PDB file of all heavy atoms in Angstrom:
ATOM      1  N   ALA A   1      59.438  86.556 154.310  1.00  0.00           N
ATOM      2  CA  ALA A   1      58.762  86.392 155.580  1.00  0.00           C
ATOM      3  C   ALA A   1      57.378  85.840 155.416  1.00  0.00           C
ATOM      4  O   ALA A   1      56.893  84.894 156.252  1.00  0.00           O
ATOM      5  CB  ALA A   1      58.705  87.745 156.306  1.00  0.00           C
ATOM      6  N   THR A   2      56.608  86.289 154.556  1.00  0.00           N
ATOM      7  CA  THR A   2      55.221  85.789 154.326  1.00  0.00           C
ATOM      8  C   THR A   2      55.213  84.324 153.932  1.00  0.00           C
ATOM      9  O   THR A   2      54.429  83.567 154.426  1.00  0.00           O
ATOM     10  CB  THR A   2      54.485  86.718 153.274  1.00  0.00           C
ATOM     11  OG1 THR A   2      54.529  88.007 153.720  1.00  0.00           O
ATOM     12  CG2 THR A   2      53.052  86.177 153.062  1.00  0.00           C
ATOM     13  N   GLU A   3      56.070  84.046 153.006  1.00  0.00           N
ATOM     14  CA  GLU A   3      56.148  82.644 152.542  1.00  0.00           C
ATOM     15  C   GLU A   3      56.767  81.648 153.702  1.00  0.00           C
ATOM     16  O   GLU A   3      56.243  80.577 153.837  1.00  0.00           O
ATOM     17  CB  GLU A   3      57.057  82.500 151.372  1.00  0.00           C
ATOM     18  CG  GLU A   3      56.536  83.312 150.173  1.00  0.00           C
ATOM     19  CD  GLU A   3      55.070  82.904 149.801  1.00  0.00           C
ATOM     20  OE1 GLU A   3      54.761  81.773 149.549  1.00  0.00           O
ATOM     21  OE2 GLU A   3      54.226  83.832 149.952  1.00  0.00           O
ATOM     22  N   LEU A   4      57.564  82.090 154.453  1.00  0.00           N
ATOM     23  CA  LEU A   4      58.174  81.386 155.657  1.00  0.00           C
ATOM     24  C   LEU A   4      57.088  81.096 156.643  1.00  0.00           C
ATOM     25  O   LEU A   4      56.970  79.878 157.193  1.00  0.00           O
ATOM     26  CB  LEU A   4      59.285  82.139 156.361  1.00  0.00           C
ATOM     27  CG  LEU A   4      59.920  81.545 157.540  1.00  0.00           C
ATOM     28  CD1 LEU A   4      60.493  80.131 157.243  1.00  0.00           C
ATOM     29  CD2 LEU A   4      60.977  82.428 158.148  1.00  0.00           C
ATOM     30  N   LYS A   5      56.230  82.059 156.908  1.00  0.00           N
ATOM     31  CA  LYS A   5      55.005  81.875 157.876  1.00  0.00           C
ATOM     32  C   LYS A   5      54.173  80.706 157.434  1.00  0.00           C
ATOM     33  O   LYS A   5      53.648  79.948 158.235  1.00  0.00           O
ATOM     34  CB  LYS A   5      54.178  83.148 157.932  1.00  0.00           C
ATOM     35  CG  LYS A   5      54.786  84.179 158.684  1.00  0.00           C
ATOM     36  CD  LYS A   5      53.803  85.447 158.763  1.00  0.00           C
ATOM     37  CE  LYS A   5      54.405  86.625 159.258  1.00  0.00           C
ATOM     38  NZ  LYS A   5      53.550  87.813 159.268  1.00  0.00           N
ATOM     39  N   LYS A   6      54.056  80.553 156.113  1.00  0.00           N
ATOM     40  CA  LYS A   6      53.130  79.472 155.570  1.00  0.00           C
ATOM     41  C   LYS A   6      53.582  78.117 155.892  1.00  0.00           C
ATOM     42  O   LYS A   6      52.811  77.158 156.076  1.00  0.00           O
ATOM     43  CB  LYS A   6      52.937  79.665 154.054  1.00  0.00           C
ATOM     44  CG  LYS A   6      52.188  80.870 153.673  1.00  0.00           C
ATOM     45  CD  LYS A   6      52.214  80.976 152.154  1.00  0.00           C
ATOM     46  CE  LYS A   6      51.475  82.274 151.694  1.00  0.00           C
ATOM     47  NZ  LYS A   6      51.551  82.387 150.202  1.00  0.00           N
ATOM     48  N   CYS A   7      54.930  77.885 155.953  1.00  0.00           N
ATOM     49  CA  CYS A   7      55.492  76.569 156.075  1.00  0.00           C
ATOM     50  C   CYS A   7      56.359  76.426 157.254  1.00  0.00           C
ATOM     51  O   CYS A   7      57.011  75.327 157.369  1.00  0.00           O
ATOM     52  CB  CYS A   7      56.167  76.151 154.788  1.00  0.00           C
ATOM     53  SG  CYS A   7      57.575  77.211 154.368  1.00  0.00           S
ATOM     54  N   ILE A   8      56.402  77.418 158.190  1.00  0.00           N
ATOM     55  CA  ILE A   8      57.365  77.427 159.306  1.00  0.00           C
ATOM     56  C   ILE A   8      57.277  76.085 160.137  1.00  0.00           C
ATOM     57  O   ILE A   8      58.304  75.592 160.625  1.00  0.00           O
ATOM     58  CB  ILE A   8      57.162  78.590 160.132  1.00  0.00           C
ATOM     59  CG1 ILE A   8      58.316  78.777 161.289  1.00  0.00           C
ATOM     60  CG2 ILE A   8      55.728  78.667 160.858  1.00  0.00           C
ATOM     61  CD1 ILE A   8      59.667  78.944 160.753  1.00  0.00           C
ATOM     62  N   ASP A   9      56.125  75.422 160.265  1.00  0.00           N
ATOM     63  CA  ASP A   9      56.050  74.306 161.096  1.00  0.00           C
ATOM     64  C   ASP A   9      56.866  73.122 160.447  1.00  0.00           C
ATOM     65  O   ASP A   9      57.090  72.118 161.215  1.00  0.00           O
ATOM     66  CB  ASP A   9      54.530  73.865 161.276  1.00  0.00           C
ATOM     67  CG  ASP A   9      53.830  74.924 162.153  1.00  0.00           C
ATOM     68  OD1 ASP A   9      54.492  75.543 162.925  1.00  0.00           O
ATOM     69  OD2 ASP A   9      52.580  74.905 161.960  1.00  0.00           O
ATOM     70  N   TYR A  10      57.177  73.198 159.280  1.00  0.00           N
ATOM     71  CA  TYR A  10      57.913  72.121 158.494  1.00  0.00           C
ATOM     72  C   TYR A  10      59.429  72.531 158.352  1.00  0.00           C
ATOM     73  O   TYR A  10      60.199  71.759 157.798  1.00  0.00           O
ATOM     74  CB  TYR A  10      57.359  71.791 157.263  1.00  0.00           C
ATOM     75  CG  TYR A  10      55.952  71.182 157.304  1.00  0.00           C
ATOM     76  CD1 TYR A  10      54.797  72.064 157.213  1.00  0.00           C
ATOM     77  CD2 TYR A  10      55.740  69.856 157.611  1.00  0.00           C
ATOM     78  CE1 TYR A  10      53.496  71.459 157.340  1.00  0.00           C
ATOM     79  CE2 TYR A  10      54.472  69.323 157.805  1.00  0.00           C
ATOM     80  CZ  TYR A  10      53.399  70.138 157.652  1.00  0.00           C
ATOM     81  OH  TYR A  10      52.104  69.611 157.804  1.00  0.00           O
ATOM     82  N   VAL A  11      59.858  73.663 158.673  1.00  0.00           N
ATOM     83  CA  VAL A  11      61.225  74.167 158.384  1.00  0.00           C
ATOM     84  C   VAL A  11      62.132  73.628 159.447  1.00  0.00           C
ATOM     85  O   VAL A  11      62.020  73.765 160.697  1.00  0.00           O
ATOM     86  CB  VAL A  11      61.267  75.721 158.438  1.00  0.00           C
ATOM     87  CG1 VAL A  11      62.698  76.219 158.262  1.00  0.00           C
ATOM     88  CG2 VAL A  11      60.362  76.299 157.325  1.00  0.00           C
ATOM     89  N   ALA A  12      63.151  72.843 158.927  1.00  0.00           N
ATOM     90  CA  ALA A  12      64.121  72.292 159.788  1.00  0.00           C
ATOM     91  C   ALA A  12      65.476  72.935 159.700  1.00  0.00           C
ATOM     92  O   ALA A  12      66.301  73.004 160.577  1.00  0.00           O
ATOM     93  CB  ALA A  12      64.403  70.773 159.324  1.00  0.00           C
ATOM     94  N   THR A  13      65.707  73.566 158.513  1.00  0.00           N
ATOM     95  CA  THR A  13      66.978  74.395 158.316  1.00  0.00           C
ATOM     96  C   THR A  13      66.656  75.692 157.541  1.00  0.00           C
ATOM     97  O   THR A  13      65.747  75.703 156.776  1.00  0.00           O
ATOM     98  CB  THR A  13      68.096  73.631 157.575  1.00  0.00           C
ATOM     99  OG1 THR A  13      67.585  73.181 156.265  1.00  0.00           O
ATOM    100  CG2 THR A  13      68.476  72.359 158.325  1.00  0.00           C
ATOM    101  N   MET A  14      67.444  76.622 157.705  1.00  0.00           N
ATOM    102  CA  MET A  14      67.305  77.907 157.077  1.00  0.00           C
ATOM    103  C   MET A  14      68.573  78.191 156.275  1.00  0.00           C
ATOM    104  O   MET A  14      69.711  77.972 156.808  1.00  0.00           O
ATOM    105  CB  MET A  14      67.188  79.146 157.974  1.00  0.00           C
ATOM    106  CG  MET A  14      65.794  79.114 158.688  1.00  0.00           C
ATOM    107  SD  MET A  14      64.465  79.610 157.594  1.00  0.00           S
ATOM    108  CE  MET A  14      64.880  81.235 157.041  1.00  0.00           C
ATOM    109  N   GLU A  15      68.423  78.683 155.020  1.00  0.00           N
ATOM    110  CA  GLU A  15      69.504  79.097 154.242  1.00  0.00           C
ATOM    111  C   GLU A  15      69.198  80.574 153.881  1.00  0.00           C
ATOM    112  O   GLU A  15      68.311  80.907 153.215  1.00  0.00           O
ATOM    113  CB  GLU A  15      69.563  78.261 152.936  1.00  0.00           C
ATOM    114  CG  GLU A  15      70.918  78.277 152.230  1.00  0.00           C
ATOM    115  CD  GLU A  15      70.879  77.171 151.173  1.00  0.00           C
ATOM    116  OE1 GLU A  15      71.089  76.010 151.603  1.00  0.00           O
ATOM    117  OE2 GLU A  15      70.745  77.489 149.999  1.00  0.00           O
ATOM    118  N   VAL A  16      70.151  81.508 154.386  1.00  0.00           N
ATOM    119  CA  VAL A  16      69.857  82.880 154.238  1.00  0.00           C
ATOM    120  C   VAL A  16      70.721  83.548 153.275  1.00  0.00           C
ATOM    121  O   VAL A  16      72.037  83.356 153.307  1.00  0.00           O
ATOM    122  CB  VAL A  16      69.784  83.656 155.626  1.00  0.00           C
ATOM    123  CG1 VAL A  16      68.658  83.231 156.470  1.00  0.00           C
ATOM    124  CG2 VAL A  16      71.110  83.328 156.322  1.00  0.00           C
ATOM    125  N   LYS A  17      70.091  84.257 152.390  1.00  0.00           N
ATOM    126  CA  LYS A  17      70.807  85.032 151.367  1.00  0.00           C
ATOM    127  C   LYS A  17      69.885  86.114 150.938  1.00  0.00           C
ATOM    128  O   LYS A  17      68.655  86.063 151.053  1.00  0.00           O
ATOM    129  CB  LYS A  17      71.387  84.208 150.232  1.00  0.00           C
ATOM    130  CG  LYS A  17      70.336  83.619 149.323  1.00  0.00           C
ATOM    131  CD  LYS A  17      71.029  82.774 148.235  1.00  0.00           C
ATOM    132  CE  LYS A  17      69.872  82.102 147.432  1.00  0.00           C
ATOM    133  NZ  LYS A  17      70.312  80.841 146.931  1.00  0.00           N
ATOM    134  N   ASP A  18      70.387  87.170 150.346  1.00  0.00           N
ATOM    135  CA  ASP A  18      69.642  88.267 149.798  1.00  0.00           C
ATOM    136  C   ASP A  18      69.483  87.969 148.308  1.00  0.00           C
ATOM    137  O   ASP A  18      70.180  87.216 147.681  1.00  0.00           O
ATOM    138  CB  ASP A  18      70.215  89.663 150.163  1.00  0.00           C
ATOM    139  CG  ASP A  18      69.163  90.703 150.481  1.00  0.00           C
ATOM    140  OD1 ASP A  18      68.033  90.555 149.976  1.00  0.00           O
ATOM    141  OD2 ASP A  18      69.520  91.703 151.112  1.00  0.00           O
ATOM    142  N   HIS A  19      68.644  88.849 147.724  1.00  0.00           N
ATOM    143  CA  HIS A  19      68.394  88.758 146.311  1.00  0.00           C
ATOM    144  C   HIS A  19      67.972  90.151 145.727  1.00  0.00           C
ATOM    145  O   HIS A  19      67.451  90.971 146.435  1.00  0.00           O
ATOM    146  CB  HIS A  19      67.332  87.700 145.939  1.00  0.00           C
ATOM    147  CG  HIS A  19      67.200  87.451 144.505  1.00  0.00           C
ATOM    148  ND1 HIS A  19      65.999  87.833 143.797  1.00  0.00           N
ATOM    149  CD2 HIS A  19      68.003  86.845 143.569  1.00  0.00           C
ATOM    150  CE1 HIS A  19      66.097  87.480 142.557  1.00  0.00           C
ATOM    151  NE2 HIS A  19      67.334  86.906 142.362  1.00  0.00           N
ATOM    152  N   ASP A  20      68.188  90.366 144.424  1.00  0.00           N
ATOM    153  CA  ASP A  20      67.756  91.631 143.897  1.00  0.00           C
ATOM    154  C   ASP A  20      66.275  91.740 143.578  1.00  0.00           C
ATOM    155  O   ASP A  20      65.861  92.862 143.205  1.00  0.00           O
ATOM    156  CB  ASP A  20      68.658  91.933 142.590  1.00  0.00           C
ATOM    157  CG  ASP A  20      68.311  91.038 141.426  1.00  0.00           C
ATOM    158  OD1 ASP A  20      67.479  90.140 141.637  1.00  0.00           O
ATOM    159  OD2 ASP A  20      68.992  91.281 140.421  1.00  0.00           O
ATOM    160  N   GLY A  21      65.560  90.747 143.733  1.00  0.00           N
ATOM    161  CA  GLY A  21      64.063  90.786 143.421  1.00  0.00           C
ATOM    162  C   GLY A  21      63.569  90.607 142.105  1.00  0.00           C
ATOM    163  O   GLY A  21      62.472  90.572 141.736  1.00  0.00           O
ATOM    164  N   LYS A  22      64.467  90.436 141.135  1.00  0.00           N
ATOM    165  CA  LYS A  22      64.134  90.241 139.743  1.00  0.00           C
ATOM    166  C   LYS A  22      63.932  88.753 139.451  1.00  0.00           C
ATOM    167  O   LYS A  22      64.845  87.928 139.705  1.00  0.00           O
ATOM    168  CB  LYS A  22      65.201  90.769 138.813  1.00  0.00           C
ATOM    169  CG  LYS A  22      65.274  92.318 138.984  1.00  0.00           C
ATOM    170  CD  LYS A  22      66.436  92.883 138.139  1.00  0.00           C
ATOM    171  CE  LYS A  22      66.619  94.347 138.396  1.00  0.00           C
ATOM    172  NZ  LYS A  22      67.927  94.822 137.994  1.00  0.00           N
ATOM    173  N   LEU A  23      62.858  88.376 138.837  1.00  0.00           N
ATOM    174  CA  LEU A  23      62.578  86.967 138.596  1.00  0.00           C
ATOM    175  C   LEU A  23      63.669  86.288 137.898  1.00  0.00           C
ATOM    176  O   LEU A  23      64.129  86.741 136.801  1.00  0.00           O
ATOM    177  CB  LEU A  23      61.261  86.788 137.754  1.00  0.00           C
ATOM    178  CG  LEU A  23      60.818  85.461 137.505  1.00  0.00           C
ATOM    179  CD1 LEU A  23      60.368  84.796 138.834  1.00  0.00           C
ATOM    180  CD2 LEU A  23      59.527  85.484 136.610  1.00  0.00           C
ATOM    181  N   GLN A  24      64.252  85.182 138.384  1.00  0.00           N
ATOM    182  CA  GLN A  24      65.299  84.353 137.857  1.00  0.00           C
ATOM    183  C   GLN A  24      66.516  85.149 137.425  1.00  0.00           C
ATOM    184  O   GLN A  24      67.107  84.841 136.465  1.00  0.00           O
ATOM    185  CB  GLN A  24      64.689  83.444 136.738  1.00  0.00           C
ATOM    186  CG  GLN A  24      63.665  82.474 137.292  1.00  0.00           C
ATOM    187  CD  GLN A  24      63.425  81.353 136.412  1.00  0.00           C
ATOM    188  OE1 GLN A  24      63.829  81.223 135.263  1.00  0.00           O
ATOM    189  NE2 GLN A  24      62.512  80.431 136.843  1.00  0.00           N
ATOM    190  N   SER A  25      66.748  86.149 138.207  1.00  0.00           N
ATOM    191  CA  SER A  25      68.010  86.950 137.962  1.00  0.00           C
ATOM    192  C   SER A  25      69.030  86.146 138.545  1.00  0.00           C
ATOM    193  O   SER A  25      69.431  86.187 139.758  1.00  0.00           O
ATOM    194  CB  SER A  25      67.826  88.323 138.687  1.00  0.00           C
ATOM    195  OG  SER A  25      68.938  89.068 138.586  1.00  0.00           O
ATOM    196  N   TRP A  26      69.723  85.328 137.737  1.00  0.00           N
ATOM    197  CA  TRP A  26      70.584  84.362 138.108  1.00  0.00           C
ATOM    198  C   TRP A  26      71.888  84.848 138.747  1.00  0.00           C
ATOM    199  O   TRP A  26      72.550  85.645 138.183  1.00  0.00           O
ATOM    200  CB  TRP A  26      71.008  83.355 136.945  1.00  0.00           C
ATOM    201  CG  TRP A  26      71.912  82.220 137.457  1.00  0.00           C
ATOM    202  CD1 TRP A  26      73.163  81.977 136.921  1.00  0.00           C
ATOM    203  CD2 TRP A  26      71.671  81.284 138.396  1.00  0.00           C
ATOM    204  NE1 TRP A  26      73.697  80.934 137.560  1.00  0.00           N
ATOM    205  CE2 TRP A  26      72.783  80.429 138.451  1.00  0.00           C
ATOM    206  CE3 TRP A  26      70.615  81.011 139.224  1.00  0.00           C
ATOM    207  CZ2 TRP A  26      72.837  79.429 139.287  1.00  0.00           C
ATOM    208  CZ3 TRP A  26      70.660  79.935 140.017  1.00  0.00           C
ATOM    209  CH2 TRP A  26      71.743  79.110 140.103  1.00  0.00           C
ATOM    210  N   LYS A  27      72.171  84.308 139.887  1.00  0.00           N
ATOM    211  CA  LYS A  27      73.315  84.777 140.715  1.00  0.00           C
ATOM    212  C   LYS A  27      73.499  86.256 140.854  1.00  0.00           C
ATOM    213  O   LYS A  27      74.500  86.823 140.653  1.00  0.00           O
ATOM    214  CB  LYS A  27      74.604  84.209 140.037  1.00  0.00           C
ATOM    215  CG  LYS A  27      74.565  82.724 140.109  1.00  0.00           C
ATOM    216  CD  LYS A  27      76.003  82.165 140.195  1.00  0.00           C
ATOM    217  CE  LYS A  27      75.908  80.677 140.435  1.00  0.00           C
ATOM    218  NZ  LYS A  27      77.036  80.096 141.135  1.00  0.00           N
ATOM    219  N   THR A  28      72.409  86.866 141.209  1.00  0.00           N
ATOM    220  CA  THR A  28      72.437  88.246 141.767  1.00  0.00           C
ATOM    221  C   THR A  28      71.946  88.214 143.185  1.00  0.00           C
ATOM    222  O   THR A  28      70.846  88.686 143.523  1.00  0.00           O
ATOM    223  CB  THR A  28      71.558  89.165 140.790  1.00  0.00           C
ATOM    224  OG1 THR A  28      71.921  88.909 139.447  1.00  0.00           O
ATOM    225  CG2 THR A  28      71.743  90.587 141.171  1.00  0.00           C
TER     226      THR A  28
END
């Protein structure tokens, strides 16, 4: 949400998915 606020004026499409929060935790 914080990162989205920074660039929202340029966002044309959204891709939504959740993540486990671990850096480069591939396909989690």
